[in-house]
N, C-alpha and C. Protein backbone atom coordinates (compact mmCIF):
# COMPACT_ATOMS: atom_id res chain seq x y z
N UNK A 1 35.87 -0.53 93.31
CA UNK A 1 36.50 -0.16 91.91
C UNK A 1 36.44 -1.51 91.13
N UNK A 2 36.74 -2.71 91.97
CA UNK A 2 36.66 -4.26 91.29
C UNK A 2 35.84 -4.39 90.97
N UNK A 3 34.25 -3.97 91.08
CA UNK A 3 32.81 -4.31 90.74
C UNK A 3 32.61 -3.57 89.33
N UNK A 4 33.42 -2.36 89.00
CA UNK A 4 33.38 -1.54 87.70
C UNK A 4 34.26 -2.26 86.90
N UNK A 5 35.62 -2.46 87.02
CA UNK A 5 35.84 -3.85 86.22
C UNK A 5 35.21 -4.61 85.38
N UNK A 6 34.61 -5.57 86.88
CA UNK A 6 33.94 -6.63 86.15
C UNK A 6 32.74 -6.74 85.16
N UNK A 7 32.16 -5.36 85.57
CA UNK A 7 30.97 -5.15 84.82
C UNK A 7 31.90 -4.72 82.78
N UNK A 8 33.15 -4.12 83.13
CA UNK A 8 33.23 -3.93 81.67
C UNK A 8 33.70 -4.90 80.88
N UNK A 9 34.09 -5.88 82.00
CA UNK A 9 34.60 -7.33 80.87
C UNK A 9 33.11 -8.32 81.03
N UNK A 10 32.14 -7.74 81.27
CA UNK A 10 30.91 -8.58 80.78
C UNK A 10 30.75 -8.43 79.15
N UNK A 11 30.43 -9.53 78.53
CA UNK A 11 30.06 -9.24 77.11
C UNK A 11 28.48 -8.20 77.13
N UNK A 12 29.06 -7.78 75.89
CA UNK A 12 27.47 -7.11 75.53
C UNK A 12 26.25 -8.03 74.93
N UNK A 13 25.22 -7.47 75.08
CA UNK A 13 24.01 -8.57 74.58
C UNK A 13 24.31 -8.83 73.17
N UNK A 14 23.79 -10.25 73.10
CA UNK A 14 23.33 -10.27 71.94
C UNK A 14 22.27 -10.17 71.43
N UNK A 15 21.82 -9.62 70.33
CA UNK A 15 20.54 -8.83 70.16
C UNK A 15 19.36 -9.93 70.07
N UNK A 16 20.03 -11.50 70.15
CA UNK A 16 18.89 -12.72 70.03
C UNK A 16 18.20 -12.59 71.22
N UNK A 17 19.13 -11.71 72.20
CA UNK A 17 18.46 -12.17 73.60
C UNK A 17 17.83 -11.00 74.47
N UNK A 18 17.66 -10.09 73.63
CA UNK A 18 17.14 -8.83 74.11
C UNK A 18 15.55 -8.90 74.09
N UNK A 19 14.93 -7.80 74.69
CA UNK A 19 13.43 -7.70 74.60
C UNK A 19 13.30 -8.17 73.04
N UNK A 20 12.13 -8.19 72.57
CA UNK A 20 12.27 -7.96 70.82
C UNK A 20 11.85 -6.41 70.58
N UNK A 21 11.65 -5.82 71.07
CA UNK A 21 10.97 -4.32 70.98
C UNK A 21 12.67 -4.02 70.69
N UNK A 22 13.50 -4.12 71.50
CA UNK A 22 14.55 -3.13 71.75
C UNK A 22 15.18 -3.84 70.27
N UNK A 23 15.31 -5.19 70.24
CA UNK A 23 16.23 -5.95 69.04
C UNK A 23 15.54 -5.17 67.57
N UNK A 24 14.02 -4.85 67.81
CA UNK A 24 13.63 -4.41 66.06
C UNK A 24 14.30 -3.06 66.51
N UNK A 25 14.10 -2.25 67.30
CA UNK A 25 14.38 -1.01 67.33
C UNK A 25 15.91 -0.86 66.84
N UNK A 26 16.81 -1.43 67.55
CA UNK A 26 18.32 -1.32 67.10
C UNK A 26 18.45 -1.78 66.04
N UNK A 27 17.91 -2.44 65.29
CA UNK A 27 18.15 -3.20 64.12
C UNK A 27 17.39 -2.41 62.93
N UNK A 28 16.33 -1.47 63.14
CA UNK A 28 15.74 -0.33 62.60
C UNK A 28 16.49 0.74 62.21
N UNK A 29 17.55 1.26 63.42
CA UNK A 29 18.54 2.34 63.73
C UNK A 29 19.48 1.76 63.13
N UNK A 30 20.10 0.80 62.96
CA UNK A 30 20.92 0.22 61.83
C UNK A 30 20.77 0.32 60.25
N UNK A 31 19.62 -0.10 60.06
CA UNK A 31 18.94 0.28 58.64
C UNK A 31 19.16 1.82 58.35
N UNK A 32 18.69 2.53 59.01
CA UNK A 32 18.55 3.87 58.87
C UNK A 32 19.87 4.81 58.82
N UNK A 33 20.77 4.14 59.66
CA UNK A 33 22.10 4.79 59.57
C UNK A 33 23.06 4.64 58.08
N UNK A 34 23.03 3.06 57.95
CA UNK A 34 23.02 2.76 56.44
C UNK A 34 22.41 3.30 55.42
N UNK A 35 21.26 3.78 55.63
CA UNK A 35 20.77 4.48 54.35
C UNK A 35 20.68 5.44 54.34
N UNK A 36 21.10 6.28 55.73
CA UNK A 36 21.69 8.10 55.42
C UNK A 36 22.69 8.16 54.65
N UNK A 37 23.92 7.29 55.38
CA UNK A 37 25.05 7.14 54.88
C UNK A 37 25.25 6.92 53.47
N UNK A 38 24.69 6.05 52.70
CA UNK A 38 24.31 5.85 51.79
C UNK A 38 23.48 6.65 50.30
N UNK A 39 22.87 7.35 50.97
CA UNK A 39 22.08 8.26 50.09
C UNK A 39 20.58 7.33 49.46
N UNK A 40 20.37 6.22 50.24
CA UNK A 40 19.14 5.36 50.24
C UNK A 40 17.77 5.57 50.85
N UNK A 41 16.94 5.71 50.15
CA UNK A 41 15.43 5.69 50.86
C UNK A 41 15.16 4.53 51.21
N UNK A 42 14.74 4.35 52.75
CA UNK A 42 14.49 3.26 53.27
C UNK A 42 13.37 3.44 54.04
N UNK A 43 12.86 4.20 53.93
CA UNK A 43 11.14 4.48 54.53
C UNK A 43 10.12 3.52 54.67
N UNK A 44 10.26 2.95 52.99
CA UNK A 44 9.55 1.90 52.90
C UNK A 44 9.37 0.56 54.31
N UNK A 45 11.46 0.31 53.75
CA UNK A 45 11.71 -0.83 54.97
C UNK A 45 11.31 -0.90 56.17
N UNK A 46 11.56 0.67 56.80
CA UNK A 46 11.50 1.04 58.28
C UNK A 46 10.08 1.15 58.60
N UNK A 47 9.44 1.61 57.72
CA UNK A 47 7.66 1.39 57.86
C UNK A 47 7.15 0.22 58.32
N UNK A 48 8.15 -0.54 57.31
CA UNK A 48 7.25 -1.96 57.83
C UNK A 48 7.85 -2.60 59.15
N UNK A 49 8.91 -1.85 59.55
CA UNK A 49 9.41 -2.87 60.95
C UNK A 49 9.14 -2.30 61.86
N UNK A 50 8.69 -0.94 62.18
CA UNK A 50 8.04 0.49 62.55
C UNK A 50 6.36 0.63 62.99
N UNK A 51 6.05 0.36 61.92
CA UNK A 51 4.28 -0.05 62.19
C UNK A 51 4.19 1.30 61.53
N UNK A 52 4.54 2.13 60.80
CA UNK A 52 3.76 3.14 59.73
C UNK A 52 4.97 4.49 59.46
N UNK A 53 4.76 5.20 58.76
CA UNK A 53 5.47 6.15 57.92
C UNK A 53 6.22 7.10 59.01
N UNK A 54 5.13 7.67 59.30
CA UNK A 54 5.71 8.59 60.71
C UNK A 54 6.50 8.22 61.66
N UNK A 55 6.68 6.95 62.24
CA UNK A 55 7.72 6.12 63.04
C UNK A 55 9.30 6.21 62.25
N UNK A 56 8.95 5.98 60.66
CA UNK A 56 10.23 5.69 59.93
C UNK A 56 10.81 6.84 59.85
N UNK A 57 9.93 7.81 59.43
CA UNK A 57 10.44 9.47 59.58
C UNK A 57 11.36 9.75 60.53
N UNK A 58 10.25 9.73 61.55
CA UNK A 58 11.12 10.15 63.00
C UNK A 58 12.61 8.97 63.44
N UNK A 59 12.64 7.91 63.24
CA UNK A 59 13.99 7.03 63.09
C UNK A 59 14.93 7.58 62.08
N UNK A 60 14.58 7.94 60.67
CA UNK A 60 15.43 8.53 60.24
C UNK A 60 16.03 10.16 60.93
N UNK A 61 15.38 10.77 61.26
CA UNK A 61 15.71 12.20 61.90
C UNK A 61 16.52 11.90 63.42
N UNK A 62 16.07 10.91 63.76
CA UNK A 62 16.70 10.55 65.16
C UNK A 62 18.24 10.17 64.84
N UNK A 63 18.37 9.14 63.89
CA UNK A 63 19.75 8.95 63.03
C UNK A 63 20.92 9.77 62.64
N UNK A 64 20.28 11.10 61.87
CA UNK A 64 20.72 12.07 61.82
C UNK A 64 20.91 12.98 62.85
N UNK A 65 19.97 12.95 63.47
CA UNK A 65 20.50 13.92 65.15
C UNK A 65 21.70 13.46 65.69
N UNK A 66 21.58 12.29 66.06
CA UNK A 66 22.57 11.57 66.77
C UNK A 66 23.67 11.36 66.37
N UNK A 67 24.15 11.34 64.75
CA UNK A 67 24.99 11.61 64.14
C UNK A 67 25.78 12.89 63.95
N UNK A 68 25.26 13.93 64.05
CA UNK A 68 26.00 15.40 64.13
C UNK A 68 25.97 15.76 65.41
N UNK A 69 25.46 14.98 66.36
CA UNK A 69 25.76 15.30 68.11
C UNK A 69 26.65 14.50 68.87
N UNK A 70 27.00 13.47 68.02
CA UNK A 70 27.96 12.14 68.66
C UNK A 70 28.91 12.72 68.65
N UNK A 71 30.27 12.30 69.47
CA UNK A 71 31.20 13.07 69.52
C UNK A 71 32.00 12.55 68.59
N UNK A 72 31.99 11.34 68.61
CA UNK A 72 32.79 10.34 67.20
C UNK A 72 31.47 9.37 66.43
N UNK A 73 31.99 8.72 65.50
CA UNK A 73 31.28 8.17 64.71
C UNK A 73 30.24 7.10 65.74
N UNK A 74 28.89 7.45 66.15
CA UNK A 74 28.30 6.44 66.32
C UNK A 74 28.53 4.97 65.75
N UNK A 75 28.18 4.05 66.85
CA UNK A 75 28.81 2.46 66.10
C UNK A 75 27.72 1.54 66.22
N UNK A 76 27.45 1.06 65.20
CA UNK A 76 26.57 0.26 65.18
C UNK A 76 27.20 -0.92 64.40
N UNK A 77 26.11 -2.11 64.54
CA UNK A 77 26.55 -3.23 64.17
C UNK A 77 26.40 -3.57 62.76
N UNK A 78 26.72 -4.51 61.82
CA UNK A 78 26.10 -4.81 60.71
C UNK A 78 24.58 -5.23 60.87
N UNK A 79 23.84 -5.14 59.80
CA UNK A 79 22.32 -5.20 59.72
C UNK A 79 22.17 -6.81 60.50
N UNK A 80 23.21 -7.46 59.76
CA UNK A 80 23.10 -9.09 59.92
C UNK A 80 23.58 -9.68 61.38
N UNK A 81 24.57 -8.52 61.96
CA UNK A 81 25.46 -9.39 62.97
C UNK A 81 24.56 -9.20 64.50
N UNK A 82 24.77 -10.14 65.34
CA UNK A 82 23.92 -10.69 66.17
C UNK A 82 24.44 -9.81 67.48
N UNK A 83 25.88 -9.53 67.35
CA UNK A 83 26.35 -8.65 68.51
C UNK A 83 26.16 -7.22 68.47
N UNK A 84 25.84 -6.59 69.60
CA UNK A 84 25.70 -5.39 69.42
C UNK A 84 27.08 -4.33 70.08
N UNK A 85 26.51 -3.01 70.36
CA UNK A 85 27.75 -2.04 70.39
C UNK A 85 27.62 -1.40 71.68
N UNK A 86 28.51 -0.74 72.08
CA UNK A 86 28.36 -0.31 73.17
C UNK A 86 27.48 1.09 72.97
N UNK A 87 27.28 1.68 71.71
CA UNK A 87 26.69 3.05 71.44
C UNK A 87 24.91 2.15 71.29
N UNK A 88 24.74 1.16 70.66
CA UNK A 88 23.55 0.91 70.53
C UNK A 88 23.06 0.55 72.06
N UNK A 89 23.94 0.05 72.72
CA UNK A 89 22.84 -0.43 74.24
C UNK A 89 22.35 1.03 74.86
N UNK A 90 23.34 2.34 74.67
CA UNK A 90 23.30 3.68 75.21
C UNK A 90 21.65 3.75 74.33
N UNK A 91 21.56 3.48 73.18
CA UNK A 91 20.39 4.09 72.17
C UNK A 91 19.47 3.28 73.19
N UNK A 92 19.47 1.73 73.28
CA UNK A 92 18.12 1.23 73.75
C UNK A 92 17.99 1.73 75.04
N UNK A 93 18.86 2.22 75.83
CA UNK A 93 18.67 2.51 77.55
C UNK A 93 18.07 4.15 77.05
N UNK A 94 18.55 4.80 76.05
CA UNK A 94 17.93 6.28 75.76
C UNK A 94 16.18 5.91 75.53
N UNK A 95 16.38 5.18 74.34
CA UNK A 95 15.29 5.32 74.01
C UNK A 95 13.98 4.71 75.36
N UNK A 96 13.76 4.10 76.12
CA UNK A 96 13.42 3.46 77.24
C UNK A 96 13.12 4.82 78.16
N UNK A 97 14.51 5.66 78.52
CA UNK A 97 14.16 6.83 79.37
C UNK A 97 13.41 8.06 78.89
N UNK A 98 13.25 7.79 77.11
CA UNK A 98 12.14 8.95 76.64
C UNK A 98 11.23 8.43 76.70
N UNK A 99 11.26 6.97 76.52
CA UNK A 99 9.75 6.50 76.45
C UNK A 99 8.74 6.90 78.04
N UNK A 100 9.77 6.77 79.17
CA UNK A 100 9.16 6.83 80.38
C UNK A 100 9.44 8.09 80.94
N UNK A 101 9.50 9.44 79.93
CA UNK A 101 9.94 10.73 80.24
C UNK A 101 10.94 10.84 81.30
N UNK A 102 11.92 10.45 81.65
CA UNK A 102 12.64 10.27 82.30
C UNK A 102 13.87 11.30 81.94
N UNK A 103 13.91 12.63 81.59
CA UNK A 103 15.02 13.25 81.42
C UNK A 103 15.85 13.68 82.03
N UNK A 104 15.99 13.62 83.54
CA UNK A 104 17.14 13.31 83.92
C UNK A 104 17.85 12.47 84.25
N UNK A 105 17.55 11.27 84.07
CA UNK A 105 18.35 9.81 83.64
C UNK A 105 18.86 9.73 82.43
N UNK A 106 18.16 10.23 81.39
CA UNK A 106 18.87 10.76 80.17
C UNK A 106 19.73 11.67 80.05
N UNK A 107 19.97 12.74 80.96
CA UNK A 107 20.67 13.41 81.05
C UNK A 107 22.35 13.03 81.48
N UNK A 108 21.72 12.51 82.95
CA UNK A 108 22.96 11.58 83.62
C UNK A 108 23.51 10.47 82.73
N UNK A 109 22.80 10.07 81.68
CA UNK A 109 23.51 8.64 80.48
C UNK A 109 24.03 9.31 79.53
N UNK A 110 23.81 10.33 79.56
CA UNK A 110 24.65 11.18 78.46
C UNK A 110 25.30 12.15 78.57
N UNK A 111 25.08 12.76 79.77
CA UNK A 111 26.13 13.92 79.93
C UNK A 111 27.47 14.41 79.95
N UNK A 112 27.99 13.19 80.06
CA UNK A 112 29.56 13.13 79.58
C UNK A 112 30.33 13.15 78.60
N UNK A 113 29.16 12.67 77.47
CA UNK A 113 29.23 12.69 75.93
C UNK A 113 29.00 13.85 75.21
N UNK A 114 27.70 14.17 75.45
CA UNK A 114 27.10 15.26 74.65
C UNK A 114 26.74 16.60 75.39
N UNK A 115 26.72 17.68 75.11
CA UNK A 115 26.06 18.67 75.25
C UNK A 115 25.00 18.89 75.55
N UNK A 116 24.51 19.91 76.06
CA UNK A 116 23.30 20.89 76.51
C UNK A 116 22.39 20.76 75.39
N UNK A 117 22.80 21.37 74.55
CA UNK A 117 21.75 21.62 73.28
C UNK A 117 21.53 20.37 72.67
N UNK A 118 22.73 19.55 72.34
CA UNK A 118 22.81 18.71 71.40
C UNK A 118 21.84 17.32 72.32
N UNK A 119 21.82 17.42 73.77
CA UNK A 119 20.75 16.29 74.60
C UNK A 119 19.65 16.47 74.46
N UNK A 120 19.19 18.05 74.01
CA UNK A 120 18.31 18.87 74.26
C UNK A 120 17.54 18.02 73.16
N UNK A 121 17.85 18.44 71.51
CA UNK A 121 17.30 17.65 70.59
C UNK A 121 17.69 16.25 70.86
N UNK A 122 18.21 15.73 70.80
CA UNK A 122 18.41 14.17 70.72
C UNK A 122 16.98 14.10 71.73
N UNK A 123 16.69 13.90 73.09
CA UNK A 123 16.01 14.02 73.51
C UNK A 123 14.39 14.33 73.26
N UNK A 124 14.40 15.74 72.40
CA UNK A 124 12.82 15.65 71.74
C UNK A 124 12.92 14.75 70.64
N UNK A 125 13.55 14.29 70.01
CA UNK A 125 13.84 13.39 68.97
C UNK A 125 13.61 12.28 69.14
N UNK A 126 13.67 11.52 70.21
CA UNK A 126 13.66 10.48 70.97
C UNK A 126 11.73 10.08 71.32
N UNK A 127 11.66 11.59 71.72
CA UNK A 127 10.28 11.41 72.46
C UNK A 127 9.44 11.13 71.11
N UNK A 128 9.62 12.21 70.05
CA UNK A 128 8.91 12.23 69.10
C UNK A 128 9.17 10.50 68.31
N UNK A 129 10.13 10.14 68.37
CA UNK A 129 9.80 8.70 67.55
C UNK A 129 9.18 7.70 68.78
N UNK A 130 9.39 8.05 69.75
CA UNK A 130 8.36 7.18 70.71
C UNK A 130 6.77 7.30 70.62
N UNK A 131 6.66 8.30 70.29
CA UNK A 131 5.35 8.81 69.94
C UNK A 131 4.73 8.51 68.98
N UNK A 132 5.48 8.60 67.83
CA UNK A 132 5.16 8.20 66.32
C UNK A 132 5.19 6.47 66.35
N UNK A 133 5.95 5.74 67.01
CA UNK A 133 6.08 4.37 67.19
C UNK A 133 4.92 3.54 68.08
N UNK A 134 4.77 4.10 69.11
CA UNK A 134 3.66 3.76 70.12
C UNK A 134 2.26 4.01 69.01
N UNK A 135 1.85 5.07 68.30
CA UNK A 135 0.98 5.21 67.42
C UNK A 135 0.99 4.33 66.75
N UNK A 136 1.70 3.88 65.92
CA UNK A 136 1.64 2.96 64.68
C UNK A 136 2.01 1.49 65.33
N UNK A 137 2.59 1.30 65.70
CA UNK A 137 2.76 -0.28 66.48
C UNK A 137 1.69 -0.86 67.70
N UNK A 138 1.02 0.31 68.28
CA UNK A 138 0.63 -0.22 69.08
C UNK A 138 -1.23 -0.02 69.07
């Protein structure tokens, strides 16, 4: 039990210390969420960050899907903030798992928060985003 409490006391990673790809994706997700909430078309900015229009569109779809499925408001940092949120750390882990095709681990990561059909939709949207991002950035 002490080990779990120690982990809870650890600070969340600073976005500047994260792998560049993960930091870029978190910042792009922040932009997507802010744009969706403000009815702003940010596809051009996302396209520049993510390497193509398809990846930008897939990121916007993912942001919308997560927004509908998440039990509470998905917490993101301000675009200029270096501190990450627990939800953003979940997102980075979920993208990693989707990129590796590891659905069982994704389900384990998400099953306490999100229902079966919502998890299915998010995983599909994650995989679609990853495929578009790989095609555009790689």
